[in-house]
Amino acid sequence: MTMNTVAELMTADPLCVQRSDSLKDAHDLMREKNIRHIPVIDANGSLAGMLTQKIMIAKVMGLMAQYGVAALERKEKQVLVSELMVTDFAAVTADQPLNEVVDFFVSNRHGCLPVVNADNKIVGILTSSDFVRLAARLLTSAC
């Protein structure tokens, strides 16, 4: 089993949120789908940012500390994804070699990389978990 490019390992067509979605929307999506990273797209469908579980949890904990558990849902609805998303991030293309991308993961300790096309539209997401699953398959096939 050889995998050479990002396209062969990435999750295609990942779940995304809009810049205008609320923290509540993103929180619910992460919880329901058991995901830790969500690409954020703008009204044109272009990649605008990334929202991570770590950022979201920090904001939720802050809201609970400030307003209490009873007000959490209401306060989550008032916070927009655009206020929380990271805009300084790296992205990769589907045809990039995996050996280049794995070096980036190791060197920068990132949990995910969005995969975009030439028009900056999200076509996939590559996570550290994808590499762990690949390692598990390779180890199993080697035995």
C-alpha atoms as a PDB file:
ATOM      1  CA  MET A   1       0.000   0.000   0.000  1.00  0.00           C
ATOM      2  CA  THR A   2       1.638   3.177  -1.175  1.00  0.00           C
ATOM      3  CA  MET A   3       0.234   6.604  -0.661  1.00  0.00           C
ATOM      4  CA  ASN A   4       2.041   9.443  -2.298  1.00  0.00           C
ATOM      5  CA  THR A   5      -0.197  12.514  -2.307  1.00  0.00           C
ATOM      6  CA  VAL A   6      -2.435  14.416   0.060  1.00  0.00           C
ATOM      7  CA  ALA A   7      -5.465  13.423  -2.066  1.00  0.00           C
ATOM      8  CA  GLU A   8      -4.912   9.766  -1.205  1.00  0.00           C
ATOM      9  CA  LEU A   9      -5.062  10.353   2.561  1.00  0.00           C
ATOM     10  CA  MET A  10      -7.240  13.430   3.121  1.00  0.00           C
ATOM     11  CA  THR A  11     -10.900  13.476   4.018  1.00  0.00           C
ATOM     12  CA  ALA A  12     -12.600  14.917   0.947  1.00  0.00           C
ATOM     13  CA  ASP A  13     -15.422  17.447   1.185  1.00  0.00           C
ATOM     14  CA  PRO A  14     -15.101  18.111   4.924  1.00  0.00           C
ATOM     15  CA  LEU A  15     -17.822  19.669   7.000  1.00  0.00           C
ATOM     16  CA  CYS A  16     -17.437  23.444   7.067  1.00  0.00           C
ATOM     17  CA  VAL A  17     -19.020  26.403   8.805  1.00  0.00           C
ATOM     18  CA  GLN A  18     -19.636  29.900   7.494  1.00  0.00           C
ATOM     19  CA  ARG A  19     -17.969  32.991   8.966  1.00  0.00           C
ATOM     20  CA  SER A  20     -21.449  34.152   9.962  1.00  0.00           C
ATOM     21  CA  ASP A  21     -22.363  30.959  11.847  1.00  0.00           C
ATOM     22  CA  SER A  22     -22.502  31.129  15.613  1.00  0.00           C
ATOM     23  CA  LEU A  23     -20.228  29.478  18.122  1.00  0.00           C
ATOM     24  CA  LYS A  24     -23.277  27.388  19.075  1.00  0.00           C
ATOM     25  CA  ASP A  25     -23.574  26.102  15.484  1.00  0.00           C
ATOM     26  CA  ALA A  26     -19.896  25.127  15.398  1.00  0.00           C
ATOM     27  CA  HIS A  27     -19.989  23.641  18.900  1.00  0.00           C
ATOM     28  CA  ASP A  28     -23.007  21.486  18.015  1.00  0.00           C
ATOM     29  CA  LEU A  29     -21.375  20.325  14.775  1.00  0.00           C
ATOM     30  CA  MET A  30     -18.136  19.372  16.512  1.00  0.00           C
ATOM     31  CA  ARG A  31     -20.010  17.473  19.205  1.00  0.00           C
ATOM     32  CA  GLU A  32     -22.442  15.698  16.843  1.00  0.00           C
ATOM     33  CA  LYS A  33     -19.822  14.672  14.278  1.00  0.00           C
ATOM     34  CA  ASN A  34     -16.964  14.120  16.758  1.00  0.00           C
ATOM     35  CA  ILE A  35     -14.552  16.400  14.903  1.00  0.00           C
ATOM     36  CA  ARG A  36     -11.861  18.705  16.251  1.00  0.00           C
ATOM     37  CA  HIS A  37     -11.177  21.034  13.316  1.00  0.00           C
ATOM     38  CA  ILE A  38     -13.608  22.862  11.073  1.00  0.00           C
ATOM     39  CA  PRO A  39     -12.705  24.911   8.015  1.00  0.00           C
ATOM     40  CA  VAL A  40     -14.484  28.266   7.889  1.00  0.00           C
ATOM     41  CA  ILE A  41     -15.657  29.482   4.505  1.00  0.00           C
ATOM     42  CA  ASP A  42     -16.838  32.873   3.340  1.00  0.00           C
ATOM     43  CA  ALA A  43     -19.984  33.663   1.354  1.00  0.00           C
ATOM     44  CA  ASN A  44     -18.184  32.713  -1.893  1.00  0.00           C
ATOM     45  CA  GLY A  45     -17.166  29.317  -0.516  1.00  0.00           C
ATOM     46  CA  SER A  46     -13.493  30.253  -0.205  1.00  0.00           C
ATOM     47  CA  LEU A  47     -11.463  29.175   2.798  1.00  0.00           C
ATOM     48  CA  ALA A  48     -11.403  32.065   5.276  1.00  0.00           C
ATOM     49  CA  GLY A  49     -10.134  30.450   8.465  1.00  0.00           C
ATOM     50  CA  MET A  50      -9.975  27.439  10.734  1.00  0.00           C
ATOM     51  CA  LEU A  51     -11.829  26.807  13.955  1.00  0.00           C
ATOM     52  CA  THR A  52     -10.293  24.310  16.330  1.00  0.00           C
ATOM     53  CA  GLN A  53     -11.764  22.492  19.269  1.00  0.00           C
ATOM     54  CA  LYS A  54      -9.086  24.027  21.505  1.00  0.00           C
ATOM     55  CA  ILE A  55     -10.119  27.592  20.584  1.00  0.00           C
ATOM     56  CA  MET A  56     -13.807  26.766  20.887  1.00  0.00           C
ATOM     57  CA  ILE A  57     -13.463  25.114  24.297  1.00  0.00           C
ATOM     58  CA  ALA A  58     -11.463  28.062  25.624  1.00  0.00           C
ATOM     59  CA  LYS A  59     -14.236  30.448  24.541  1.00  0.00           C
ATOM     60  CA  VAL A  60     -17.002  28.227  25.948  1.00  0.00           C
ATOM     61  CA  MET A  61     -15.188  27.951  29.283  1.00  0.00           C
ATOM     62  CA  GLY A  62     -14.746  31.724  29.362  1.00  0.00           C
ATOM     63  CA  LEU A  63     -18.443  32.282  28.655  1.00  0.00           C
ATOM     64  CA  MET A  64     -19.418  29.835  31.402  1.00  0.00           C
ATOM     65  CA  ALA A  65     -17.076  31.504  33.879  1.00  0.00           C
ATOM     66  CA  GLN A  66     -18.383  34.958  33.016  1.00  0.00           C
ATOM     67  CA  TYR A  67     -22.120  34.294  32.592  1.00  0.00           C
ATOM     68  CA  GLY A  68     -22.790  30.888  34.152  1.00  0.00           C
ATOM     69  CA  VAL A  69     -23.989  27.619  32.689  1.00  0.00           C
ATOM     70  CA  ALA A  70     -27.602  28.782  32.452  1.00  0.00           C
ATOM     71  CA  ALA A  71     -26.673  31.549  29.994  1.00  0.00           C
ATOM     72  CA  LEU A  72     -24.190  29.507  27.937  1.00  0.00           C
ATOM     73  CA  GLU A  73     -26.451  28.575  25.027  1.00  0.00           C
ATOM     74  CA  ARG A  74     -27.720  32.139  24.630  1.00  0.00           C
ATOM     75  CA  LYS A  75     -24.184  33.558  24.775  1.00  0.00           C
ATOM     76  CA  GLU A  76     -22.838  30.952  22.310  1.00  0.00           C
ATOM     77  CA  LYS A  77     -25.467  32.087  19.808  1.00  0.00           C
ATOM     78  CA  GLN A  78     -24.170  35.671  20.097  1.00  0.00           C
ATOM     79  CA  VAL A  79     -20.544  34.845  19.234  1.00  0.00           C
ATOM     80  CA  LEU A  80     -19.747  34.519  15.535  1.00  0.00           C
ATOM     81  CA  VAL A  81     -17.282  31.993  14.166  1.00  0.00           C
ATOM     82  CA  SER A  82     -15.498  34.900  12.441  1.00  0.00           C
ATOM     83  CA  GLU A  83     -14.557  36.245  15.895  1.00  0.00           C
ATOM     84  CA  LEU A  84     -12.828  32.998  16.887  1.00  0.00           C
ATOM     85  CA  MET A  85     -11.371  31.515  13.742  1.00  0.00           C
ATOM     86  CA  VAL A  86      -7.662  31.440  13.084  1.00  0.00           C
ATOM     87  CA  THR A  87      -6.700  33.241   9.900  1.00  0.00           C
ATOM     88  CA  ASP A  88      -2.952  32.665  10.056  1.00  0.00           C
ATOM     89  CA  PHE A  89      -2.624  29.034   9.009  1.00  0.00           C
ATOM     90  CA  ALA A  90      -1.009  26.918   6.337  1.00  0.00           C
ATOM     91  CA  ALA A  91      -2.964  25.093   3.651  1.00  0.00           C
ATOM     92  CA  VAL A  92      -1.945  22.373   1.220  1.00  0.00           C
ATOM     93  CA  THR A  93      -3.089  21.196  -2.182  1.00  0.00           C
ATOM     94  CA  ALA A  94      -4.339  17.719  -3.010  1.00  0.00           C
ATOM     95  CA  ASP A  95      -1.374  16.967  -5.278  1.00  0.00           C
ATOM     96  CA  GLN A  96       1.301  17.773  -2.685  1.00  0.00           C
ATOM     97  CA  PRO A  97       3.536  14.854  -1.726  1.00  0.00           C
ATOM     98  CA  LEU A  98       2.751  13.329   1.662  1.00  0.00           C
ATOM     99  CA  ASN A  99       6.431  13.258   2.641  1.00  0.00           C
ATOM    100  CA  GLU A 100       6.505  17.084   2.489  1.00  0.00           C
ATOM    101  CA  VAL A 101       3.295  17.411   4.453  1.00  0.00           C
ATOM    102  CA  VAL A 102       4.298  14.975   7.194  1.00  0.00           C
ATOM    103  CA  ASP A 103       7.465  17.011   7.777  1.00  0.00           C
ATOM    104  CA  PHE A 104       5.279  20.086   8.228  1.00  0.00           C
ATOM    105  CA  PHE A 105       3.090  18.257  10.786  1.00  0.00           C
ATOM    106  CA  VAL A 106       6.131  17.078  12.751  1.00  0.00           C
ATOM    107  CA  SER A 107       7.945  20.421  12.645  1.00  0.00           C
ATOM    108  CA  ASN A 108       4.951  22.614  13.470  1.00  0.00           C
ATOM    109  CA  ARG A 109       2.881  20.269  15.630  1.00  0.00           C
ATOM    110  CA  HIS A 110      -0.332  21.136  13.788  1.00  0.00           C
ATOM    111  CA  GLY A 111      -3.413  18.986  14.198  1.00  0.00           C
ATOM    112  CA  CYS A 112      -4.764  19.621  10.717  1.00  0.00           C
ATOM    113  CA  LEU A 113      -4.195  21.241   7.381  1.00  0.00           C
ATOM    114  CA  PRO A 114      -6.995  22.380   5.089  1.00  0.00           C
ATOM    115  CA  VAL A 115      -6.672  21.188   1.499  1.00  0.00           C
ATOM    116  CA  VAL A 116      -7.582  23.791  -1.115  1.00  0.00           C
ATOM    117  CA  ASN A 117      -7.730  24.046  -4.898  1.00  0.00           C
ATOM    118  CA  ALA A 118      -6.291  26.858  -7.039  1.00  0.00           C
ATOM    119  CA  ASP A 119      -9.377  28.998  -6.294  1.00  0.00           C
ATOM    120  CA  ASN A 120      -8.883  28.650  -2.511  1.00  0.00           C
ATOM    121  CA  LYS A 121     -11.987  26.433  -2.244  1.00  0.00           C
ATOM    122  CA  ILE A 122     -11.832  23.731   0.410  1.00  0.00           C
ATOM    123  CA  VAL A 123     -11.581  20.261  -1.146  1.00  0.00           C
ATOM    124  CA  GLY A 124     -10.458  18.313   1.888  1.00  0.00           C
ATOM    125  CA  ILE A 125      -8.841  18.252   5.276  1.00  0.00           C
ATOM    126  CA  LEU A 126      -5.765  16.354   6.393  1.00  0.00           C
ATOM    127  CA  THR A 127      -5.370  15.637  10.094  1.00  0.00           C
ATOM    128  CA  SER A 128      -2.735  14.102  12.303  1.00  0.00           C
ATOM    129  CA  SER A 129      -5.265  11.327  12.915  1.00  0.00           C
ATOM    130  CA  ASP A 130      -5.124  10.486   9.198  1.00  0.00           C
ATOM    131  CA  PHE A 131      -1.393   9.828   9.585  1.00  0.00           C
ATOM    132  CA  VAL A 132      -1.969   7.711  12.685  1.00  0.00           C
ATOM    133  CA  ARG A 133      -4.538   5.599  10.784  1.00  0.00           C
ATOM    134  CA  LEU A 134      -2.058   5.251   7.908  1.00  0.00           C
ATOM    135  CA  ALA A 135       0.661   4.137  10.309  1.00  0.00           C
ATOM    136  CA  ALA A 136      -1.726   1.577  11.835  1.00  0.00           C
ATOM    137  CA  ARG A 137      -2.572   0.161   8.384  1.00  0.00           C
ATOM    138  CA  LEU A 138       1.091  -0.002   7.406  1.00  0.00           C
ATOM    139  CA  LEU A 139       2.019  -1.713  10.678  1.00  0.00           C
ATOM    140  CA  THR A 140      -0.817  -4.212  10.284  1.00  0.00           C
ATOM    141  CA  SER A 141       0.093  -5.019   6.682  1.00  0.00           C
ATOM    142  CA  ALA A 142       3.763  -5.449   7.643  1.00  0.00           C
ATOM    143  CA  CYS A 143       2.927  -8.197  10.139  1.00  0.00           C
END
